């Protein structure tokens, strides 16, 4: 399964994504495609909408069962912590823990 979350998807990109994915909520696309189709789709989007921010969750053979990748500027940042994917909602390098 693949989930693509975009920021302000252009109409042409949205139409192309609807070929393989359903859009349960604006700019959220969910579908079951093979790895090659997913990679070609992401490549097409990055080439034709270079400023588009995307967060992509895809099935992967790891303990969580998925991986997370982001492209462009998104409001969420994927972080790998102790081998697990987490989402940072706000990230400040200057803040001390």
C-alpha atoms as a PDB file:
ATOM      1  CA  UNK A   1       0.000   0.000   0.000  1.00  0.00           C
ATOM      2  CA  UNK A   2       1.142   3.533  -0.718  1.00  0.00           C
ATOM      3  CA  UNK A   3      -0.065   6.803   0.777  1.00  0.00           C
ATOM      4  CA  UNK A   4       1.003  10.097  -0.808  1.00  0.00           C
ATOM      5  CA  UNK A   5       0.245  13.315   1.035  1.00  0.00           C
ATOM      6  CA  UNK A   6       0.847  16.456  -1.039  1.00  0.00           C
ATOM      7  CA  UNK A   7       0.714  20.195  -0.446  1.00  0.00           C
ATOM      8  CA  UNK A   8      -1.581  22.014  -2.916  1.00  0.00           C
ATOM      9  CA  UNK A   9      -1.540  19.460  -5.729  1.00  0.00           C
ATOM     10  CA  UNK A  10      -1.865  20.980  -9.249  1.00  0.00           C
ATOM     11  CA  UNK A  11      -4.905  19.765 -11.216  1.00  0.00           C
ATOM     12  CA  UNK A  12      -2.823  17.867 -13.813  1.00  0.00           C
ATOM     13  CA  UNK A  13      -0.906  15.972 -11.111  1.00  0.00           C
ATOM     14  CA  UNK A  14      -4.101  15.265  -9.174  1.00  0.00           C
ATOM     15  CA  UNK A  15      -5.721  13.809 -12.303  1.00  0.00           C
ATOM     16  CA  UNK A  16      -2.707  11.600 -12.994  1.00  0.00           C
ATOM     17  CA  UNK A  17      -2.646  10.318  -9.398  1.00  0.00           C
ATOM     18  CA  UNK A  18      -6.344   9.424  -9.566  1.00  0.00           C
ATOM     19  CA  UNK A  19      -5.511   6.789 -12.187  1.00  0.00           C
ATOM     20  CA  UNK A  20      -3.962   4.537  -9.530  1.00  0.00           C
ATOM     21  CA  UNK A  21      -5.015   6.044  -6.220  1.00  0.00           C
ATOM     22  CA  UNK A  22      -8.203   7.089  -4.466  1.00  0.00           C
ATOM     23  CA  UNK A  23      -8.349  10.531  -2.865  1.00  0.00           C
ATOM     24  CA  UNK A  24     -10.225  10.081   0.449  1.00  0.00           C
ATOM     25  CA  UNK A  25      -9.333  13.624   1.512  1.00  0.00           C
ATOM     26  CA  UNK A  26      -7.999  16.547  -0.549  1.00  0.00           C
ATOM     27  CA  UNK A  27      -4.301  16.023  -1.398  1.00  0.00           C
ATOM     28  CA  UNK A  28      -4.185  12.558   0.239  1.00  0.00           C
ATOM     29  CA  UNK A  29      -3.840   9.655  -2.199  1.00  0.00           C
ATOM     30  CA  UNK A  30      -4.068   5.988  -1.189  1.00  0.00           C
ATOM     31  CA  UNK A  31      -3.517   2.936  -3.355  1.00  0.00           C
ATOM     32  CA  UNK A  32      -1.871  -0.412  -3.858  1.00  0.00           C
ATOM     33  CA  UNK A  33       0.730  -0.194  -6.597  1.00  0.00           C
ATOM     34  CA  UNK A  34       3.959  -2.073  -7.148  1.00  0.00           C
ATOM     35  CA  UNK A  35       7.310  -0.461  -6.354  1.00  0.00           C
ATOM     36  CA  UNK A  36       8.139   0.382  -9.957  1.00  0.00           C
ATOM     37  CA  UNK A  37       4.820   2.156 -10.548  1.00  0.00           C
ATOM     38  CA  UNK A  38       5.242   4.064  -7.282  1.00  0.00           C
ATOM     39  CA  UNK A  39       8.784   5.173  -8.188  1.00  0.00           C
ATOM     40  CA  UNK A  40       7.786   6.182 -11.738  1.00  0.00           C
ATOM     41  CA  UNK A  41       4.809   8.131 -10.378  1.00  0.00           C
ATOM     42  CA  UNK A  42       6.955   9.986  -7.849  1.00  0.00           C
ATOM     43  CA  UNK A  43       9.573  10.686 -10.521  1.00  0.00           C
ATOM     44  CA  UNK A  44       6.853  12.122 -12.802  1.00  0.00           C
ATOM     45  CA  UNK A  45       5.504  14.331 -10.011  1.00  0.00           C
ATOM     46  CA  UNK A  46       8.961  15.624  -9.050  1.00  0.00           C
ATOM     47  CA  UNK A  47       9.765  16.399 -12.689  1.00  0.00           C
ATOM     48  CA  UNK A  48       6.458  18.174 -13.448  1.00  0.00           C
ATOM     49  CA  UNK A  49       5.779  19.860 -10.094  1.00  0.00           C
ATOM     50  CA  UNK A  50       9.256  20.478  -8.631  1.00  0.00           C
ATOM     51  CA  UNK A  51       8.065  22.704  -5.760  1.00  0.00           C
ATOM     52  CA  UNK A  52       5.406  20.272  -4.558  1.00  0.00           C
ATOM     53  CA  UNK A  53       5.932  18.990  -1.010  1.00  0.00           C
ATOM     54  CA  UNK A  54       5.146  15.286  -0.590  1.00  0.00           C
ATOM     55  CA  UNK A  55       5.160  12.828   2.284  1.00  0.00           C
ATOM     56  CA  UNK A  56       5.113   9.229   1.052  1.00  0.00           C
ATOM     57  CA  UNK A  57       4.358   6.178   3.166  1.00  0.00           C
ATOM     58  CA  UNK A  58       4.900   2.830   1.476  1.00  0.00           C
ATOM     59  CA  UNK A  59       4.914  -0.824   2.421  1.00  0.00           C
ATOM     60  CA  UNK A  60       8.418  -2.008   3.339  1.00  0.00           C
ATOM     61  CA  UNK A  61       9.971  -5.172   4.767  1.00  0.00           C
ATOM     62  CA  UNK A  62      10.846  -3.774   8.198  1.00  0.00           C
ATOM     63  CA  UNK A  63       9.482  -4.122  11.729  1.00  0.00           C
ATOM     64  CA  UNK A  64       6.859  -1.410  11.209  1.00  0.00           C
ATOM     65  CA  UNK A  65       5.854  -2.671   7.780  1.00  0.00           C
ATOM     66  CA  UNK A  66       6.266   0.718   6.089  1.00  0.00           C
ATOM     67  CA  UNK A  67       8.789   3.404   5.205  1.00  0.00           C
ATOM     68  CA  UNK A  68       8.405   7.171   5.053  1.00  0.00           C
ATOM     69  CA  UNK A  69      10.073   9.542   2.575  1.00  0.00           C
ATOM     70  CA  UNK A  70       9.526  13.250   2.046  1.00  0.00           C
ATOM     71  CA  UNK A  71      10.276  15.532  -0.897  1.00  0.00           C
ATOM     72  CA  UNK A  72      10.111  19.304  -0.935  1.00  0.00           C
ATOM     73  CA  UNK A  73       8.788  21.353   1.933  1.00  0.00           C
ATOM     74  CA  UNK A  74       6.261  19.582   4.141  1.00  0.00           C
ATOM     75  CA  UNK A  75       4.722  20.393   7.496  1.00  0.00           C
ATOM     76  CA  UNK A  76       5.847  17.036   8.865  1.00  0.00           C
ATOM     77  CA  UNK A  77       9.378  15.654   8.897  1.00  0.00           C
ATOM     78  CA  UNK A  78      10.059  11.897   8.911  1.00  0.00           C
ATOM     79  CA  UNK A  79      12.663  10.904  11.480  1.00  0.00           C
ATOM     80  CA  UNK A  80      14.217   7.497  12.033  1.00  0.00           C
ATOM     81  CA  UNK A  81      14.720   6.905  15.751  1.00  0.00           C
ATOM     82  CA  UNK A  82      16.137   3.604  16.958  1.00  0.00           C
ATOM     83  CA  UNK A  83      15.197   1.993  13.638  1.00  0.00           C
ATOM     84  CA  UNK A  84      11.575   3.201  13.695  1.00  0.00           C
ATOM     85  CA  UNK A  85       9.948   5.916  11.633  1.00  0.00           C
ATOM     86  CA  UNK A  86       8.440   8.805  13.556  1.00  0.00           C
ATOM     87  CA  UNK A  87       6.936  12.099  12.389  1.00  0.00           C
ATOM     88  CA  UNK A  88       8.232  15.383  13.796  1.00  0.00           C
ATOM     89  CA  UNK A  89       5.554  18.044  13.578  1.00  0.00           C
ATOM     90  CA  UNK A  90       7.858  20.921  14.373  1.00  0.00           C
ATOM     91  CA  UNK A  91      11.617  20.693  14.216  1.00  0.00           C
ATOM     92  CA  UNK A  92      13.940  23.247  15.805  1.00  0.00           C
ATOM     93  CA  UNK A  93      17.644  22.408  15.818  1.00  0.00           C
ATOM     94  CA  UNK A  94      18.294  25.086  18.464  1.00  0.00           C
ATOM     95  CA  UNK A  95      15.911  23.607  21.057  1.00  0.00           C
ATOM     96  CA  UNK A  96      17.484  21.561  23.788  1.00  0.00           C
ATOM     97  CA  UNK A  97      15.870  18.338  24.914  1.00  0.00           C
END
